[in-house]
Amino acid sequence: MTVAKSMKYWLTGLLIASQICLPGFIHAADLSRQHLFRVERSKNANIVQYDAQIDSSGNLFNAEPVIAYWVRLAEQGQVKELSWAQWTFAYGFETMFISGNGSVTLEMKADIDRRVIVLHDGENFRAATTIDGGNAYLDRVFVRSDRSGLFVSLESIELYGEDIRSAENRYEKIIFDP
């Protein structure tokens, strides 16, 4: 194969790839983010941040309405993606749009025994769930774990938020049996 012919195939492939990928990159620039809640851990100061992705129309981005990522506060505040294992077994989620109102339900990989719904609150999106028996906007989750053996064992999860009606602080601690 001649150099000219291989260059032609390479350029054709590049052109096709750009036509497939470029619209996604252009659209991604139109997105904004709003912080929803964070997960803090007893292990170190690093957190997992959950954000809503908003399109240029002010709606949740259809392809990926919520994202999660590390903020490495124990280091220098770097932002990093979750690893496959972290996403699959601990901090990941599945999203399902709720028909007709532009909200989504997050089905968390780590079972916190309740639904998290991302919905409009005025001009903002917020994460709502049940905290201590009442409807609340979720602010943060604190996970206490123990790694004294071969595996990490979950000791407790603490939920912090704000009551949807009264705006009072809400708190609940869920303790797991060893």
C-alpha atoms as a PDB file:
ATOM      1  CA  MET A   1       0.000   0.000   0.000  1.00  0.00           C
ATOM      2  CA  THR A   2       1.348   3.399  -0.904  1.00  0.00           C
ATOM      3  CA  VAL A   3       1.861   6.185   1.603  1.00  0.00           C
ATOM      4  CA  ALA A   4      -0.727   8.301  -0.198  1.00  0.00           C
ATOM      5  CA  LYS A   5      -3.312   5.521  -0.040  1.00  0.00           C
ATOM      6  CA  SER A   6      -2.723   4.808   3.672  1.00  0.00           C
ATOM      7  CA  MET A   7      -2.904   8.567   4.382  1.00  0.00           C
ATOM      8  CA  LYS A   8      -6.236   8.670   2.501  1.00  0.00           C
ATOM      9  CA  TYR A   9      -7.636   5.855   4.702  1.00  0.00           C
ATOM     10  CA  TRP A  10      -6.330   7.544   7.849  1.00  0.00           C
ATOM     11  CA  LEU A  11      -7.878  10.914   6.917  1.00  0.00           C
ATOM     12  CA  THR A  12     -11.178   9.258   5.957  1.00  0.00           C
ATOM     13  CA  GLY A  13     -11.290   7.502   9.319  1.00  0.00           C
ATOM     14  CA  LEU A  14     -10.487  10.742  11.119  1.00  0.00           C
ATOM     15  CA  LEU A  15     -13.255  12.562   9.232  1.00  0.00           C
ATOM     16  CA  ILE A  16     -15.815   9.870  10.070  1.00  0.00           C
ATOM     17  CA  ALA A  17     -14.763   9.836  13.734  1.00  0.00           C
ATOM     18  CA  SER A  18     -15.020  13.627  13.952  1.00  0.00           C
ATOM     19  CA  GLN A  19     -18.530  13.562  12.507  1.00  0.00           C
ATOM     20  CA  ILE A  20     -19.584  11.009  15.100  1.00  0.00           C
ATOM     21  CA  CYS A  21     -17.797  12.496  18.117  1.00  0.00           C
ATOM     22  CA  LEU A  22     -17.752  16.240  17.440  1.00  0.00           C
ATOM     23  CA  PRO A  23     -21.480  16.890  18.042  1.00  0.00           C
ATOM     24  CA  GLY A  24     -21.106  15.401  21.540  1.00  0.00           C
ATOM     25  CA  PHE A  25     -18.132  17.627  22.297  1.00  0.00           C
ATOM     26  CA  ILE A  26     -19.940  20.712  21.033  1.00  0.00           C
ATOM     27  CA  HIS A  27     -23.037  19.857  23.072  1.00  0.00           C
ATOM     28  CA  ALA A  28     -20.962  19.210  26.202  1.00  0.00           C
ATOM     29  CA  ALA A  29     -19.789  22.822  26.084  1.00  0.00           C
ATOM     30  CA  ASP A  30     -23.435  23.924  26.437  1.00  0.00           C
ATOM     31  CA  LEU A  31     -23.835  22.066  29.740  1.00  0.00           C
ATOM     32  CA  SER A  32     -23.663  23.592  33.189  1.00  0.00           C
ATOM     33  CA  ARG A  33     -23.479  21.809  36.531  1.00  0.00           C
ATOM     34  CA  GLN A  34     -25.212  22.251  39.859  1.00  0.00           C
ATOM     35  CA  HIS A  35     -23.946  20.527  43.003  1.00  0.00           C
ATOM     36  CA  LEU A  36     -26.490  18.111  44.452  1.00  0.00           C
ATOM     37  CA  PHE A  37     -24.830  16.328  47.382  1.00  0.00           C
ATOM     38  CA  ARG A  38     -21.559  14.773  48.476  1.00  0.00           C
ATOM     39  CA  VAL A  39     -20.400  11.584  50.157  1.00  0.00           C
ATOM     40  CA  GLU A  40     -17.779  11.973  52.884  1.00  0.00           C
ATOM     41  CA  ARG A  41     -15.931   9.032  54.399  1.00  0.00           C
ATOM     42  CA  SER A  42     -14.207   8.209  57.669  1.00  0.00           C
ATOM     43  CA  LYS A  43     -11.192   6.911  55.715  1.00  0.00           C
ATOM     44  CA  ASN A  44      -9.875  10.361  54.646  1.00  0.00           C
ATOM     45  CA  ALA A  45     -10.994  13.821  53.548  1.00  0.00           C
ATOM     46  CA  ASN A  46     -11.640  12.843  49.911  1.00  0.00           C
ATOM     47  CA  ILE A  47     -15.271  13.181  48.841  1.00  0.00           C
ATOM     48  CA  VAL A  48     -17.472  11.940  46.033  1.00  0.00           C
ATOM     49  CA  GLN A  49     -19.417  14.858  44.559  1.00  0.00           C
ATOM     50  CA  TYR A  50     -22.742  14.380  42.724  1.00  0.00           C
ATOM     51  CA  ASP A  51     -23.795  17.108  40.264  1.00  0.00           C
ATOM     52  CA  ALA A  52     -26.795  17.662  38.022  1.00  0.00           C
ATOM     53  CA  GLN A  53     -25.906  18.401  34.397  1.00  0.00           C
ATOM     54  CA  ILE A  54     -28.134  21.096  32.929  1.00  0.00           C
ATOM     55  CA  ASP A  55     -28.563  21.690  29.201  1.00  0.00           C
ATOM     56  CA  SER A  56     -28.926  25.107  27.543  1.00  0.00           C
ATOM     57  CA  SER A  57     -32.735  24.906  27.945  1.00  0.00           C
ATOM     58  CA  GLY A  58     -32.442  24.604  31.723  1.00  0.00           C
ATOM     59  CA  ASN A  59     -33.411  20.913  31.793  1.00  0.00           C
ATOM     60  CA  LEU A  60     -31.492  17.892  33.007  1.00  0.00           C
ATOM     61  CA  PHE A  61     -29.178  16.660  30.249  1.00  0.00           C
ATOM     62  CA  ASN A  62     -30.970  13.692  28.744  1.00  0.00           C
ATOM     63  CA  ALA A  63     -27.894  11.546  28.047  1.00  0.00           C
ATOM     64  CA  GLU A  64     -26.262  11.997  31.479  1.00  0.00           C
ATOM     65  CA  PRO A  65     -28.426  13.983  33.922  1.00  0.00           C
ATOM     66  CA  VAL A  66     -26.228  13.344  36.980  1.00  0.00           C
ATOM     67  CA  ILE A  67     -22.490  12.760  37.277  1.00  0.00           C
ATOM     68  CA  ALA A  68     -20.280  11.656  40.167  1.00  0.00           C
ATOM     69  CA  TYR A  69     -16.558  12.215  40.642  1.00  0.00           C
ATOM     70  CA  TRP A  70     -13.834  12.355  43.291  1.00  0.00           C
ATOM     71  CA  VAL A  71     -12.627  15.588  44.828  1.00  0.00           C
ATOM     72  CA  ARG A  72      -9.277  14.655  46.403  1.00  0.00           C
ATOM     73  CA  LEU A  73      -9.343  17.019  49.403  1.00  0.00           C
ATOM     74  CA  ALA A  74      -6.789  14.857  51.252  1.00  0.00           C
ATOM     75  CA  GLU A  75      -4.333  15.660  48.480  1.00  0.00           C
ATOM     76  CA  GLN A  76      -4.522  18.934  46.519  1.00  0.00           C
ATOM     77  CA  GLY A  77      -8.219  19.066  45.626  1.00  0.00           C
ATOM     78  CA  GLN A  78      -7.799  17.304  42.285  1.00  0.00           C
ATOM     79  CA  VAL A  79     -10.904  16.109  40.480  1.00  0.00           C
ATOM     80  CA  LYS A  80     -10.750  12.461  39.350  1.00  0.00           C
ATOM     81  CA  GLU A  81     -13.122   9.955  37.824  1.00  0.00           C
ATOM     82  CA  LEU A  82     -14.413   7.050  39.863  1.00  0.00           C
ATOM     83  CA  SER A  83     -12.755   3.742  39.068  1.00  0.00           C
ATOM     84  CA  TRP A  84     -14.833   0.916  37.619  1.00  0.00           C
ATOM     85  CA  ALA A  85     -14.966  -0.870  40.999  1.00  0.00           C
ATOM     86  CA  GLN A  86     -15.883   2.316  42.879  1.00  0.00           C
ATOM     87  CA  TRP A  87     -18.656   3.052  40.371  1.00  0.00           C
ATOM     88  CA  THR A  88     -19.955  -0.525  40.246  1.00  0.00           C
ATOM     89  CA  PHE A  89     -19.960  -1.400  43.942  1.00  0.00           C
ATOM     90  CA  ALA A  90     -20.048   1.799  45.962  1.00  0.00           C
ATOM     91  CA  TYR A  91     -20.683   5.251  44.490  1.00  0.00           C
ATOM     92  CA  GLY A  92     -22.349   4.626  41.131  1.00  0.00           C
ATOM     93  CA  PHE A  93     -26.021   4.876  40.281  1.00  0.00           C
ATOM     94  CA  GLU A  94     -28.596   4.296  37.589  1.00  0.00           C
ATOM     95  CA  THR A  95     -30.887   7.150  36.515  1.00  0.00           C
ATOM     96  CA  MET A  96     -34.510   6.860  35.477  1.00  0.00           C
ATOM     97  CA  PHE A  97     -36.458   9.865  34.210  1.00  0.00           C
ATOM     98  CA  ILE A  98     -39.801  10.401  35.928  1.00  0.00           C
ATOM     99  CA  SER A  99     -42.455  10.761  33.256  1.00  0.00           C
ATOM    100  CA  GLY A 100     -43.682  14.267  32.582  1.00  0.00           C
ATOM    101  CA  ASN A 101     -41.798  16.418  35.094  1.00  0.00           C
ATOM    102  CA  GLY A 102     -38.134  16.386  34.049  1.00  0.00           C
ATOM    103  CA  SER A 103     -36.940  14.825  37.318  1.00  0.00           C
ATOM    104  CA  VAL A 104     -34.852  11.688  37.692  1.00  0.00           C
ATOM    105  CA  THR A 105     -34.653   8.945  40.271  1.00  0.00           C
ATOM    106  CA  LEU A 106     -31.184   7.794  41.279  1.00  0.00           C
ATOM    107  CA  GLU A 107     -30.899   4.131  42.134  1.00  0.00           C
ATOM    108  CA  MET A 108     -27.694   4.119  44.157  1.00  0.00           C
ATOM    109  CA  LYS A 109     -25.314   1.135  43.847  1.00  0.00           C
ATOM    110  CA  ALA A 110     -24.654   1.330  47.592  1.00  0.00           C
ATOM    111  CA  ASP A 111     -28.020   0.486  49.094  1.00  0.00           C
ATOM    112  CA  ILE A 112     -29.019   3.371  51.371  1.00  0.00           C
ATOM    113  CA  ASP A 113     -32.537   1.905  51.597  1.00  0.00           C
ATOM    114  CA  ARG A 114     -34.292   4.903  50.049  1.00  0.00           C
ATOM    115  CA  ARG A 115     -34.858   6.656  46.756  1.00  0.00           C
ATOM    116  CA  VAL A 116     -33.020   9.815  45.780  1.00  0.00           C
ATOM    117  CA  ILE A 117     -34.928  12.073  43.376  1.00  0.00           C
ATOM    118  CA  VAL A 118     -33.312  14.960  41.508  1.00  0.00           C
ATOM    119  CA  LEU A 119     -35.946  17.641  40.951  1.00  0.00           C
ATOM    120  CA  HIS A 120     -36.476  21.342  40.271  1.00  0.00           C
ATOM    121  CA  ASP A 121     -36.518  23.640  43.298  1.00  0.00           C
ATOM    122  CA  GLY A 122     -37.113  27.090  41.846  1.00  0.00           C
ATOM    123  CA  GLU A 123     -34.229  27.781  39.476  1.00  0.00           C
ATOM    124  CA  ASN A 124     -32.065  24.984  40.881  1.00  0.00           C
ATOM    125  CA  PHE A 125     -31.995  21.220  40.882  1.00  0.00           C
ATOM    126  CA  ARG A 126     -31.771  19.459  44.238  1.00  0.00           C
ATOM    127  CA  ALA A 127     -31.563  15.872  45.462  1.00  0.00           C
ATOM    128  CA  ALA A 128     -34.503  14.863  47.653  1.00  0.00           C
ATOM    129  CA  THR A 129     -34.909  11.809  49.851  1.00  0.00           C
ATOM    130  CA  THR A 130     -36.344  10.750  53.198  1.00  0.00           C
ATOM    131  CA  ILE A 131     -34.271  11.665  56.250  1.00  0.00           C
ATOM    132  CA  ASP A 132     -35.537  10.644  59.700  1.00  0.00           C
ATOM    133  CA  GLY A 133     -39.036  10.023  58.363  1.00  0.00           C
ATOM    134  CA  GLY A 134     -39.460  13.375  56.580  1.00  0.00           C
ATOM    135  CA  ASN A 135     -38.937  14.601  53.044  1.00  0.00           C
ATOM    136  CA  ALA A 136     -35.650  16.474  52.812  1.00  0.00           C
ATOM    137  CA  TYR A 137     -33.143  17.897  50.396  1.00  0.00           C
ATOM    138  CA  LEU A 138     -30.003  15.807  50.720  1.00  0.00           C
ATOM    139  CA  ASP A 139     -26.819  17.783  51.388  1.00  0.00           C
ATOM    140  CA  ARG A 140     -24.285  15.158  52.391  1.00  0.00           C
ATOM    141  CA  VAL A 141     -23.810  11.531  53.361  1.00  0.00           C
ATOM    142  CA  PHE A 142     -21.123  10.432  55.808  1.00  0.00           C
ATOM    143  CA  VAL A 143     -19.963   6.812  55.552  1.00  0.00           C
ATOM    144  CA  ARG A 144     -18.143   5.227  58.495  1.00  0.00           C
ATOM    145  CA  SER A 145     -16.308   2.023  57.648  1.00  0.00           C
ATOM    146  CA  ASP A 146     -13.722  -0.299  59.170  1.00  0.00           C
ATOM    147  CA  ARG A 147     -10.914  -1.956  57.262  1.00  0.00           C
ATOM    148  CA  SER A 148      -9.432  -4.021  60.080  1.00  0.00           C
ATOM    149  CA  GLY A 149      -9.837  -7.317  58.223  1.00  0.00           C
ATOM    150  CA  LEU A 150      -9.497  -8.433  54.632  1.00  0.00           C
ATOM    151  CA  PHE A 151     -12.623  -6.569  53.535  1.00  0.00           C
ATOM    152  CA  VAL A 152     -14.071  -3.160  54.307  1.00  0.00           C
ATOM    153  CA  SER A 153     -17.071  -3.388  56.601  1.00  0.00           C
ATOM    154  CA  LEU A 154     -19.703  -0.690  56.713  1.00  0.00           C
ATOM    155  CA  GLU A 155     -20.437   0.531  60.243  1.00  0.00           C
ATOM    156  CA  SER A 156     -22.885   3.396  59.630  1.00  0.00           C
ATOM    157  CA  ILE A 157     -24.241   5.947  57.192  1.00  0.00           C
ATOM    158  CA  GLU A 158     -25.298   9.417  58.323  1.00  0.00           C
ATOM    159  CA  LEU A 159     -27.646  11.506  56.190  1.00  0.00           C
ATOM    160  CA  TYR A 160     -27.700  15.306  56.475  1.00  0.00           C
ATOM    161  CA  GLY A 161     -30.185  17.582  54.781  1.00  0.00           C
ATOM    162  CA  GLU A 162     -32.851  20.241  54.978  1.00  0.00           C
ATOM    163  CA  ASP A 163     -36.567  19.613  55.526  1.00  0.00           C
ATOM    164  CA  ILE A 164     -38.415  20.447  52.297  1.00  0.00           C
ATOM    165  CA  ARG A 165     -41.310  22.217  54.077  1.00  0.00           C
ATOM    166  CA  SER A 166     -39.752  23.848  57.136  1.00  0.00           C
ATOM    167  CA  ALA A 167     -36.125  24.279  55.933  1.00  0.00           C
ATOM    168  CA  GLU A 168     -34.979  22.867  59.312  1.00  0.00           C
ATOM    169  CA  ASN A 169     -31.915  20.643  59.446  1.00  0.00           C
ATOM    170  CA  ARG A 170     -32.620  16.920  59.209  1.00  0.00           C
ATOM    171  CA  TYR A 171     -30.290  14.122  60.319  1.00  0.00           C
ATOM    172  CA  GLU A 172     -30.446  10.336  60.420  1.00  0.00           C
ATOM    173  CA  LYS A 173     -27.888   7.694  61.336  1.00  0.00           C
ATOM    174  CA  ILE A 174     -28.232   4.179  59.967  1.00  0.00           C
ATOM    175  CA  ILE A 175     -26.178   1.618  61.888  1.00  0.00           C
ATOM    176  CA  PHE A 176     -25.225  -1.703  60.298  1.00  0.00           C
ATOM    177  CA  ASP A 177     -24.834  -4.894  62.263  1.00  0.00           C
ATOM    178  CA  PRO A 178     -21.316  -6.353  62.175  1.00  0.00           C
END
